[in-house]
Amino acid sequence: MTYKGQNASNIALLAGIAGLLIYLLGYMFTQLGAFFVAALIGQQLGTDDIPDYAGLSRRAPVSALLMAVFMLSLTGFPPTSVFIGKFYVLAGAIDNGLLWLAIVGVVNSVISLYYYAGVIRAMYVMPAASTVPLREPAALQVALGIAGLGTLLIGLYPQPIIDLARSAVLLLRI
């Protein structure tokens, strides 16, 4: 009987670790993409404060659209990669009897929505200080495309990544 209980808790722990791997992969794509856009703003405007994002949707529409996707992903909106990762991490916490930790995670996501929505609001609602389009170099567009694809692909078709994460955990016998 004890063995079965221990085995069940080990399975729950493995699911949590697999969830963490999924989360880290999704977070990597999302954060890289957000930093690429921030680098564009910083390089071309000399600063990357939130007000500098005002009107970005009209000055660099592709970068603004992808930045909105990255901000929503960081919040944990479906169907993005961070949503899938957060789902599995929170499910792992609940499976391991850490409901309070899952609640803290959900509350943190709700709080983060306020901040990330501020960036989106600046890009799409606030008037731009200038109407001059920002130059989006080809290398940046490729990098943003890869980051955006990773962010959305993991969210829309997560099963291969889930299977890979579970296999990695079992292989490592963590």
N, C-alpha and C. Protein backbone atom coordinates (compact mmCIF):
# COMPACT_ATOMS: atom_id res chain seq x y z
N MET A 1 0.83 -1.19 0.00
CA MET A 1 0.00 0.00 0.00
C MET A 1 0.87 1.26 0.00
N THR A 2 1.90 1.24 0.82
CA THR A 2 2.81 2.38 0.86
C THR A 2 3.49 2.57 -0.48
N TYR A 3 3.87 1.47 -1.11
CA TYR A 3 4.55 1.54 -2.41
C TYR A 3 3.65 2.21 -3.44
N LYS A 4 2.35 1.85 -3.43
CA LYS A 4 1.42 2.45 -4.40
C LYS A 4 1.29 3.95 -4.16
N GLY A 5 1.23 4.37 -2.90
CA GLY A 5 1.14 5.79 -2.59
C GLY A 5 2.39 6.53 -3.00
N GLN A 6 3.54 5.90 -2.75
CA GLN A 6 4.81 6.52 -3.14
C GLN A 6 4.91 6.59 -4.66
N ASN A 7 4.47 5.54 -5.33
CA ASN A 7 4.51 5.52 -6.79
C ASN A 7 3.62 6.62 -7.36
N ALA A 8 2.44 6.81 -6.78
CA ALA A 8 1.53 7.87 -7.25
C ALA A 8 2.15 9.25 -7.04
N SER A 9 2.81 9.45 -5.89
CA SER A 9 3.44 10.75 -5.66
C SER A 9 4.63 10.96 -6.59
N ASN A 10 5.34 9.89 -6.92
CA ASN A 10 6.45 10.01 -7.88
C ASN A 10 5.93 10.39 -9.26
N ILE A 11 4.81 9.80 -9.67
CA ILE A 11 4.22 10.13 -10.97
C ILE A 11 3.80 11.60 -10.98
N ALA A 12 3.20 12.07 -9.89
CA ALA A 12 2.79 13.48 -9.81
C ALA A 12 4.01 14.39 -9.86
N LEU A 13 5.09 13.99 -9.18
CA LEU A 13 6.31 14.78 -9.20
C LEU A 13 6.90 14.83 -10.61
N LEU A 14 6.92 13.69 -11.29
CA LEU A 14 7.43 13.64 -12.66
C LEU A 14 6.61 14.53 -13.58
N ALA A 15 5.30 14.53 -13.40
CA ALA A 15 4.43 15.39 -14.22
C ALA A 15 4.76 16.85 -13.98
N GLY A 16 5.04 17.20 -12.72
CA GLY A 16 5.41 18.58 -12.40
C GLY A 16 6.73 18.99 -13.03
N ILE A 17 7.70 18.08 -13.02
CA ILE A 17 9.00 18.38 -13.63
C ILE A 17 8.86 18.50 -15.14
N ALA A 18 8.08 17.62 -15.75
CA ALA A 18 7.83 17.73 -17.19
C ALA A 18 7.15 19.07 -17.50
N GLY A 19 6.21 19.47 -16.66
CA GLY A 19 5.55 20.77 -16.82
C GLY A 19 6.54 21.91 -16.74
N LEU A 20 7.49 21.79 -15.83
CA LEU A 20 8.51 22.83 -15.69
C LEU A 20 9.36 22.93 -16.96
N LEU A 21 9.72 21.79 -17.54
CA LEU A 21 10.49 21.80 -18.79
C LEU A 21 9.71 22.45 -19.93
N ILE A 22 8.42 22.15 -20.01
CA ILE A 22 7.56 22.76 -21.03
C ILE A 22 7.49 24.27 -20.81
N TYR A 23 7.31 24.66 -19.55
CA TYR A 23 7.23 26.08 -19.21
C TYR A 23 8.51 26.80 -19.60
N LEU A 24 9.65 26.21 -19.26
CA LEU A 24 10.93 26.86 -19.57
C LEU A 24 11.14 27.03 -21.07
N LEU A 25 10.76 26.04 -21.85
CA LEU A 25 10.91 26.15 -23.30
C LEU A 25 10.02 27.26 -23.85
N GLY A 26 8.76 27.27 -23.43
CA GLY A 26 7.84 28.32 -23.88
C GLY A 26 8.28 29.70 -23.42
N TYR A 27 8.75 29.78 -22.19
CA TYR A 27 9.22 31.05 -21.64
C TYR A 27 10.43 31.56 -22.41
N MET A 28 11.30 30.63 -22.82
CA MET A 28 12.48 31.01 -23.59
C MET A 28 12.08 31.71 -24.89
N PHE A 29 11.19 31.08 -25.66
CA PHE A 29 10.75 31.70 -26.92
C PHE A 29 10.09 33.05 -26.67
N THR A 30 9.23 33.10 -25.67
CA THR A 30 8.46 34.31 -25.39
C THR A 30 9.37 35.45 -24.93
N GLN A 31 10.25 35.15 -23.99
CA GLN A 31 11.15 36.19 -23.48
C GLN A 31 12.12 36.68 -24.54
N LEU A 32 12.66 35.75 -25.32
CA LEU A 32 13.57 36.18 -26.39
C LEU A 32 12.86 37.13 -27.35
N GLY A 33 11.64 36.78 -27.74
CA GLY A 33 10.89 37.64 -28.64
C GLY A 33 10.63 39.01 -28.04
N ALA A 34 10.23 39.05 -26.77
CA ALA A 34 9.97 40.33 -26.11
C ALA A 34 11.25 41.16 -26.02
N PHE A 35 12.36 40.52 -25.73
CA PHE A 35 13.62 41.25 -25.65
C PHE A 35 14.08 41.74 -27.02
N PHE A 36 13.79 40.98 -28.07
CA PHE A 36 14.12 41.43 -29.42
C PHE A 36 13.38 42.73 -29.75
N VAL A 37 12.10 42.79 -29.40
CA VAL A 37 11.33 44.01 -29.66
C VAL A 37 11.86 45.15 -28.79
N ALA A 38 12.15 44.86 -27.53
CA ALA A 38 12.70 45.89 -26.65
C ALA A 38 14.04 46.41 -27.19
N ALA A 39 14.84 45.51 -27.75
CA ALA A 39 16.12 45.92 -28.33
C ALA A 39 15.90 46.83 -29.53
N LEU A 40 14.89 46.52 -30.34
CA LEU A 40 14.56 47.37 -31.49
C LEU A 40 14.21 48.78 -31.01
N ILE A 41 13.34 48.86 -30.02
CA ILE A 41 12.91 50.15 -29.48
C ILE A 41 14.11 50.89 -28.88
N GLY A 42 14.87 50.18 -28.06
CA GLY A 42 16.02 50.80 -27.40
C GLY A 42 17.06 51.29 -28.39
N GLN A 43 17.32 50.50 -29.41
CA GLN A 43 18.35 50.86 -30.39
C GLN A 43 17.92 52.05 -31.24
N GLN A 44 16.66 52.09 -31.62
CA GLN A 44 16.22 53.15 -32.53
C GLN A 44 15.75 54.42 -31.82
N LEU A 45 15.30 54.28 -30.58
CA LEU A 45 14.81 55.46 -29.87
C LEU A 45 15.73 55.90 -28.74
N GLY A 46 16.70 55.06 -28.40
CA GLY A 46 17.62 55.40 -27.33
C GLY A 46 17.11 55.08 -25.94
N THR A 47 15.89 54.63 -25.82
CA THR A 47 15.30 54.25 -24.55
C THR A 47 14.19 53.25 -24.83
N ASP A 48 13.84 52.46 -23.83
CA ASP A 48 12.76 51.49 -24.05
C ASP A 48 11.77 51.49 -22.88
N ASP A 49 11.45 52.68 -22.39
CA ASP A 49 10.43 52.81 -21.36
C ASP A 49 9.06 52.56 -21.99
N ILE A 50 8.08 52.20 -21.19
CA ILE A 50 6.74 51.88 -21.69
C ILE A 50 6.17 53.01 -22.57
N PRO A 51 6.30 54.28 -22.20
CA PRO A 51 5.77 55.33 -23.09
C PRO A 51 6.39 55.33 -24.48
N ASP A 52 7.59 54.77 -24.61
CA ASP A 52 8.24 54.71 -25.92
C ASP A 52 7.56 53.72 -26.86
N TYR A 53 6.72 52.86 -26.31
CA TYR A 53 5.98 51.89 -27.13
C TYR A 53 4.71 52.51 -27.72
N ALA A 54 4.41 53.75 -27.34
CA ALA A 54 3.19 54.41 -27.82
C ALA A 54 3.16 54.44 -29.34
N GLY A 55 2.08 53.95 -29.90
CA GLY A 55 1.89 53.97 -31.34
C GLY A 55 2.77 53.00 -32.12
N LEU A 56 3.40 52.07 -31.44
CA LEU A 56 4.29 51.12 -32.13
C LEU A 56 3.54 50.33 -33.20
N SER A 57 2.26 50.12 -33.00
CA SER A 57 1.48 49.36 -33.99
C SER A 57 1.43 50.07 -35.35
N ARG A 58 1.64 51.38 -35.34
CA ARG A 58 1.64 52.13 -36.60
C ARG A 58 3.06 52.35 -37.14
N ARG A 59 4.04 52.25 -36.27
CA ARG A 59 5.43 52.51 -36.69
C ARG A 59 6.19 51.23 -37.03
N ALA A 60 5.82 50.13 -36.39
CA ALA A 60 6.46 48.83 -36.63
C ALA A 60 5.40 47.76 -36.38
N PRO A 61 4.44 47.61 -37.31
CA PRO A 61 3.27 46.76 -37.06
C PRO A 61 3.59 45.30 -36.77
N VAL A 62 4.57 44.74 -37.44
CA VAL A 62 4.90 43.32 -37.21
C VAL A 62 5.48 43.14 -35.81
N SER A 63 6.40 44.01 -35.45
CA SER A 63 7.00 43.93 -34.11
C SER A 63 5.94 44.14 -33.03
N ALA A 64 5.02 45.08 -33.25
CA ALA A 64 3.97 45.34 -32.26
C ALA A 64 3.04 44.14 -32.11
N LEU A 65 2.66 43.53 -33.23
CA LEU A 65 1.78 42.37 -33.16
C LEU A 65 2.45 41.23 -32.40
N LEU A 66 3.71 40.97 -32.73
CA LEU A 66 4.41 39.89 -32.03
C LEU A 66 4.65 40.24 -30.56
N MET A 67 4.93 41.50 -30.26
CA MET A 67 5.09 41.90 -28.86
C MET A 67 3.79 41.67 -28.10
N ALA A 68 2.66 41.94 -28.72
CA ALA A 68 1.37 41.68 -28.07
C ALA A 68 1.21 40.18 -27.80
N VAL A 69 1.60 39.35 -28.75
CA VAL A 69 1.54 37.90 -28.55
C VAL A 69 2.45 37.50 -27.39
N PHE A 70 3.66 38.07 -27.34
CA PHE A 70 4.59 37.73 -26.26
C PHE A 70 4.05 38.19 -24.91
N MET A 71 3.44 39.36 -24.85
CA MET A 71 2.88 39.86 -23.59
C MET A 71 1.73 38.97 -23.12
N LEU A 72 0.86 38.58 -24.05
CA LEU A 72 -0.24 37.69 -23.69
C LEU A 72 0.28 36.33 -23.25
N SER A 73 1.33 35.86 -23.90
CA SER A 73 1.92 34.58 -23.53
C SER A 73 2.49 34.65 -22.11
N LEU A 74 3.20 35.72 -21.80
CA LEU A 74 3.77 35.85 -20.46
C LEU A 74 2.70 35.88 -19.38
N THR A 75 1.54 36.40 -19.73
CA THR A 75 0.41 36.40 -18.80
C THR A 75 -0.15 34.99 -18.62
N GLY A 76 -0.01 34.17 -19.64
CA GLY A 76 -0.54 32.82 -19.57
C GLY A 76 -1.82 32.64 -20.35
N PHE A 77 -2.03 33.47 -21.37
CA PHE A 77 -3.22 33.35 -22.21
C PHE A 77 -3.09 32.16 -23.16
N PRO A 78 -4.18 31.41 -23.32
CA PRO A 78 -4.16 30.38 -24.36
C PRO A 78 -4.33 31.05 -25.72
N PRO A 79 -3.90 30.54 -26.78
CA PRO A 79 -3.16 29.30 -26.96
C PRO A 79 -1.67 29.57 -27.12
N THR A 80 -1.01 30.01 -26.08
CA THR A 80 0.42 30.31 -26.18
C THR A 80 1.23 29.29 -25.39
N SER A 81 2.51 29.27 -25.65
CA SER A 81 3.39 28.29 -25.03
C SER A 81 3.45 28.43 -23.51
N VAL A 82 3.47 29.65 -23.00
CA VAL A 82 3.55 29.82 -21.55
C VAL A 82 2.26 29.35 -20.88
N PHE A 83 1.13 29.49 -21.56
CA PHE A 83 -0.12 28.94 -21.02
C PHE A 83 0.01 27.44 -20.81
N ILE A 84 0.52 26.74 -21.82
CA ILE A 84 0.67 25.28 -21.71
C ILE A 84 1.61 24.95 -20.55
N GLY A 85 2.74 25.65 -20.49
CA GLY A 85 3.69 25.41 -19.41
C GLY A 85 3.10 25.69 -18.04
N LYS A 86 2.42 26.83 -17.90
CA LYS A 86 1.80 27.16 -16.61
C LYS A 86 0.74 26.14 -16.24
N PHE A 87 -0.03 25.71 -17.22
CA PHE A 87 -1.06 24.71 -16.96
C PHE A 87 -0.44 23.45 -16.34
N TYR A 88 0.62 22.96 -16.95
CA TYR A 88 1.25 21.73 -16.45
C TYR A 88 1.96 21.95 -15.11
N VAL A 89 2.57 23.10 -14.92
CA VAL A 89 3.21 23.38 -13.63
C VAL A 89 2.16 23.48 -12.53
N LEU A 90 1.07 24.19 -12.80
CA LEU A 90 0.01 24.33 -11.80
C LEU A 90 -0.67 22.99 -11.53
N ALA A 91 -0.88 22.20 -12.58
CA ALA A 91 -1.45 20.86 -12.39
C ALA A 91 -0.52 20.00 -11.55
N GLY A 92 0.79 20.11 -11.78
CA GLY A 92 1.76 19.37 -10.98
C GLY A 92 1.73 19.80 -9.52
N ALA A 93 1.58 21.10 -9.28
CA ALA A 93 1.48 21.59 -7.91
C ALA A 93 0.24 21.03 -7.23
N ILE A 94 -0.88 21.05 -7.93
CA ILE A 94 -2.13 20.52 -7.36
C ILE A 94 -2.01 19.03 -7.10
N ASP A 95 -1.44 18.29 -8.07
CA ASP A 95 -1.27 16.84 -7.91
C ASP A 95 -0.38 16.50 -6.72
N ASN A 96 0.52 17.40 -6.36
CA ASN A 96 1.43 17.17 -5.23
C ASN A 96 0.90 17.80 -3.94
N GLY A 97 -0.38 18.16 -3.93
CA GLY A 97 -0.99 18.69 -2.72
C GLY A 97 -0.63 20.13 -2.40
N LEU A 98 -0.17 20.86 -3.38
CA LEU A 98 0.24 22.25 -3.17
C LEU A 98 -0.76 23.20 -3.82
N LEU A 99 -2.02 23.05 -3.43
CA LEU A 99 -3.08 23.89 -3.98
C LEU A 99 -2.79 25.37 -3.74
N TRP A 100 -2.28 25.68 -2.56
CA TRP A 100 -1.97 27.08 -2.24
C TRP A 100 -0.97 27.66 -3.24
N LEU A 101 0.00 26.85 -3.65
CA LEU A 101 1.00 27.32 -4.60
C LEU A 101 0.37 27.56 -5.98
N ALA A 102 -0.55 26.70 -6.36
CA ALA A 102 -1.27 26.89 -7.63
C ALA A 102 -2.10 28.17 -7.58
N ILE A 103 -2.72 28.44 -6.45
CA ILE A 103 -3.51 29.67 -6.30
C ILE A 103 -2.61 30.89 -6.41
N VAL A 104 -1.45 30.84 -5.78
CA VAL A 104 -0.48 31.94 -5.88
C VAL A 104 -0.07 32.15 -7.34
N GLY A 105 0.13 31.05 -8.07
CA GLY A 105 0.50 31.14 -9.49
C GLY A 105 -0.58 31.81 -10.32
N VAL A 106 -1.83 31.46 -10.06
CA VAL A 106 -2.95 32.07 -10.80
C VAL A 106 -3.08 33.55 -10.45
N VAL A 107 -2.97 33.87 -9.17
CA VAL A 107 -3.05 35.28 -8.75
C VAL A 107 -1.92 36.08 -9.39
N ASN A 108 -0.72 35.50 -9.42
CA ASN A 108 0.42 36.17 -10.05
C ASN A 108 0.15 36.44 -11.53
N SER A 109 -0.47 35.49 -12.21
CA SER A 109 -0.80 35.69 -13.63
C SER A 109 -1.80 36.82 -13.82
N VAL A 110 -2.77 36.90 -12.93
CA VAL A 110 -3.77 37.97 -13.01
C VAL A 110 -3.11 39.33 -12.77
N ILE A 111 -2.22 39.39 -11.79
CA ILE A 111 -1.51 40.65 -11.51
C ILE A 111 -0.64 41.03 -12.70
N SER A 112 0.06 40.05 -13.27
CA SER A 112 0.95 40.35 -14.40
C SER A 112 0.17 40.86 -15.61
N LEU A 113 -1.08 40.44 -15.74
CA LEU A 113 -1.91 40.90 -16.85
C LEU A 113 -2.01 42.43 -16.85
N TYR A 114 -2.11 43.02 -15.69
CA TYR A 114 -2.20 44.47 -15.58
C TYR A 114 -0.98 45.13 -16.23
N TYR A 115 0.19 44.62 -15.92
CA TYR A 115 1.43 45.22 -16.44
C TYR A 115 1.63 44.94 -17.92
N TYR A 116 1.41 43.71 -18.33
CA TYR A 116 1.61 43.37 -19.73
C TYR A 116 0.56 44.03 -20.63
N ALA A 117 -0.65 44.19 -20.11
CA ALA A 117 -1.70 44.88 -20.87
C ALA A 117 -1.33 46.35 -21.07
N GLY A 118 -0.56 46.91 -20.14
CA GLY A 118 -0.11 48.30 -20.29
C GLY A 118 0.78 48.48 -21.51
N VAL A 119 1.62 47.49 -21.78
CA VAL A 119 2.47 47.55 -22.97
C VAL A 119 1.61 47.47 -24.23
N ILE A 120 0.65 46.56 -24.23
CA ILE A 120 -0.24 46.40 -25.39
C ILE A 120 -1.05 47.68 -25.60
N ARG A 121 -1.56 48.24 -24.51
CA ARG A 121 -2.33 49.49 -24.60
C ARG A 121 -1.47 50.60 -25.19
N ALA A 122 -0.23 50.70 -24.74
CA ALA A 122 0.66 51.74 -25.28
C ALA A 122 0.86 51.55 -26.78
N MET A 123 1.06 50.33 -27.22
CA MET A 123 1.33 50.07 -28.64
C MET A 123 0.13 50.34 -29.53
N TYR A 124 -1.07 50.05 -29.03
CA TYR A 124 -2.25 50.10 -29.89
C TYR A 124 -3.21 51.26 -29.60
N VAL A 125 -3.15 51.86 -28.42
CA VAL A 125 -4.12 52.90 -28.07
C VAL A 125 -3.48 54.28 -27.97
N MET A 126 -2.32 54.35 -27.36
CA MET A 126 -1.67 55.65 -27.15
C MET A 126 -1.15 56.21 -28.48
N PRO A 127 -1.24 57.51 -28.66
CA PRO A 127 -0.74 58.11 -29.90
C PRO A 127 0.79 58.08 -29.95
N ALA A 128 1.31 57.90 -31.14
CA ALA A 128 2.76 57.86 -31.34
C ALA A 128 3.34 59.26 -31.27
N ALA A 129 4.53 59.36 -30.70
CA ALA A 129 5.22 60.65 -30.65
C ALA A 129 5.70 61.06 -32.04
N SER A 130 5.88 60.07 -32.90
CA SER A 130 6.34 60.32 -34.27
C SER A 130 5.61 59.36 -35.20
N THR A 131 5.49 59.74 -36.44
CA THR A 131 4.86 58.85 -37.42
C THR A 131 5.89 58.17 -38.31
N VAL A 132 7.15 58.45 -38.06
CA VAL A 132 8.23 57.85 -38.86
C VAL A 132 8.31 56.36 -38.54
N PRO A 133 8.19 55.51 -39.55
CA PRO A 133 8.28 54.06 -39.29
C PRO A 133 9.65 53.68 -38.74
N LEU A 134 9.65 52.71 -37.84
CA LEU A 134 10.92 52.18 -37.34
C LEU A 134 11.44 51.15 -38.32
N ARG A 135 12.72 51.16 -38.51
CA ARG A 135 13.35 50.19 -39.41
C ARG A 135 13.45 48.85 -38.68
N GLU A 136 12.87 47.83 -39.27
CA GLU A 136 12.92 46.49 -38.70
C GLU A 136 13.86 45.65 -39.57
N PRO A 137 15.12 45.51 -39.15
CA PRO A 137 16.09 44.78 -39.96
C PRO A 137 15.65 43.34 -40.23
N ALA A 138 16.10 42.80 -41.35
CA ALA A 138 15.72 41.44 -41.75
C ALA A 138 16.10 40.42 -40.68
N ALA A 139 17.27 40.57 -40.07
CA ALA A 139 17.70 39.62 -39.04
C ALA A 139 16.74 39.65 -37.85
N LEU A 140 16.29 40.85 -37.50
CA LEU A 140 15.33 40.98 -36.41
C LEU A 140 14.00 40.32 -36.79
N GLN A 141 13.56 40.52 -38.01
CA GLN A 141 12.31 39.90 -38.45
C GLN A 141 12.39 38.38 -38.39
N VAL A 142 13.53 37.83 -38.79
CA VAL A 142 13.71 36.37 -38.73
C VAL A 142 13.68 35.91 -37.27
N ALA A 143 14.42 36.61 -36.41
CA ALA A 143 14.46 36.24 -34.99
C ALA A 143 13.07 36.34 -34.36
N LEU A 144 12.35 37.42 -34.67
CA LEU A 144 10.99 37.57 -34.15
C LEU A 144 10.07 36.49 -34.69
N GLY A 145 10.24 36.14 -35.96
CA GLY A 145 9.43 35.08 -36.55
C GLY A 145 9.65 33.75 -35.86
N ILE A 146 10.90 33.42 -35.57
CA ILE A 146 11.21 32.16 -34.87
C ILE A 146 10.63 32.18 -33.46
N ALA A 147 10.83 33.29 -32.75
CA ALA A 147 10.30 33.40 -31.39
C ALA A 147 8.77 33.34 -31.39
N GLY A 148 8.15 34.04 -32.33
CA GLY A 148 6.68 34.02 -32.43
C GLY A 148 6.15 32.65 -32.80
N LEU A 149 6.83 31.99 -33.72
CA LEU A 149 6.42 30.65 -34.12
C LEU A 149 6.53 29.68 -32.95
N GLY A 150 7.64 29.76 -32.22
CA GLY A 150 7.80 28.89 -31.05
C GLY A 150 6.75 29.16 -30.00
N THR A 151 6.46 30.44 -29.76
CA THR A 151 5.46 30.82 -28.76
C THR A 151 4.07 30.28 -29.12
N LEU A 152 3.70 30.39 -30.38
CA LEU A 152 2.36 29.95 -30.80
C LEU A 152 2.29 28.46 -31.10
N LEU A 153 3.33 27.90 -31.70
CA LEU A 153 3.29 26.49 -32.08
C LEU A 153 3.19 25.58 -30.86
N ILE A 154 3.95 25.89 -29.82
CA ILE A 154 3.87 25.08 -28.60
C ILE A 154 2.48 25.21 -27.99
N GLY A 155 1.89 26.39 -28.08
CA GLY A 155 0.54 26.59 -27.54
C GLY A 155 -0.54 25.90 -28.35
N LEU A 156 -0.39 25.90 -29.66
CA LEU A 156 -1.41 25.31 -30.53
C LEU A 156 -1.25 23.80 -30.71
N TYR A 157 -0.03 23.32 -30.65
CA TYR A 157 0.24 21.90 -30.87
C TYR A 157 1.27 21.43 -29.84
N PRO A 158 0.86 21.33 -28.57
CA PRO A 158 1.82 21.05 -27.51
C PRO A 158 2.23 19.58 -27.35
N GLN A 159 1.46 18.67 -27.92
CA GLN A 159 1.68 17.25 -27.61
C GLN A 159 3.11 16.76 -27.86
N PRO A 160 3.75 17.11 -28.98
CA PRO A 160 5.13 16.63 -29.16
C PRO A 160 6.07 17.14 -28.06
N ILE A 161 5.88 18.36 -27.61
CA ILE A 161 6.73 18.91 -26.56
C ILE A 161 6.41 18.24 -25.23
N ILE A 162 5.14 17.99 -24.97
CA ILE A 162 4.74 17.29 -23.75
C ILE A 162 5.36 15.90 -23.73
N ASP A 163 5.26 15.19 -24.83
CA ASP A 163 5.85 13.84 -24.91
C ASP A 163 7.36 13.89 -24.72
N LEU A 164 8.00 14.86 -25.34
CA LEU A 164 9.45 15.00 -25.22
C LEU A 164 9.85 15.30 -23.78
N ALA A 165 9.12 16.19 -23.12
CA ALA A 165 9.43 16.53 -21.73
C ALA A 165 9.24 15.33 -20.82
N ARG A 166 8.17 14.59 -21.01
CA ARG A 166 7.94 13.39 -20.20
C ARG A 166 9.04 12.36 -20.43
N SER A 167 9.43 12.18 -21.68
CA SER A 167 10.50 11.23 -22.00
C SER A 167 11.82 11.66 -21.36
N ALA A 168 12.10 12.96 -21.40
CA ALA A 168 13.33 13.47 -20.80
C ALA A 168 13.35 13.22 -19.30
N VAL A 169 12.23 13.44 -18.65
CA VAL A 169 12.16 13.22 -17.20
C VAL A 169 12.35 11.74 -16.89
N LEU A 170 11.69 10.87 -17.65
CA LEU A 170 11.84 9.43 -17.41
C LEU A 170 13.25 8.96 -17.73
N LEU A 171 13.85 9.50 -18.76
CA LEU A 171 15.20 9.13 -19.13
C LEU A 171 16.20 9.53 -18.05
N LEU A 172 16.00 10.70 -17.49
CA LEU A 172 16.90 11.19 -16.44
C LEU A 172 16.61 10.57 -15.09
N ARG A 173 15.45 9.94 -14.98
CA ARG A 173 14.99 9.31 -13.73
C ARG A 173 15.04 10.30 -12.56
N ILE A 174 14.56 11.49 -12.84
CA ILE A 174 14.53 12.54 -11.81
C ILE A 174 13.45 12.21 -10.81
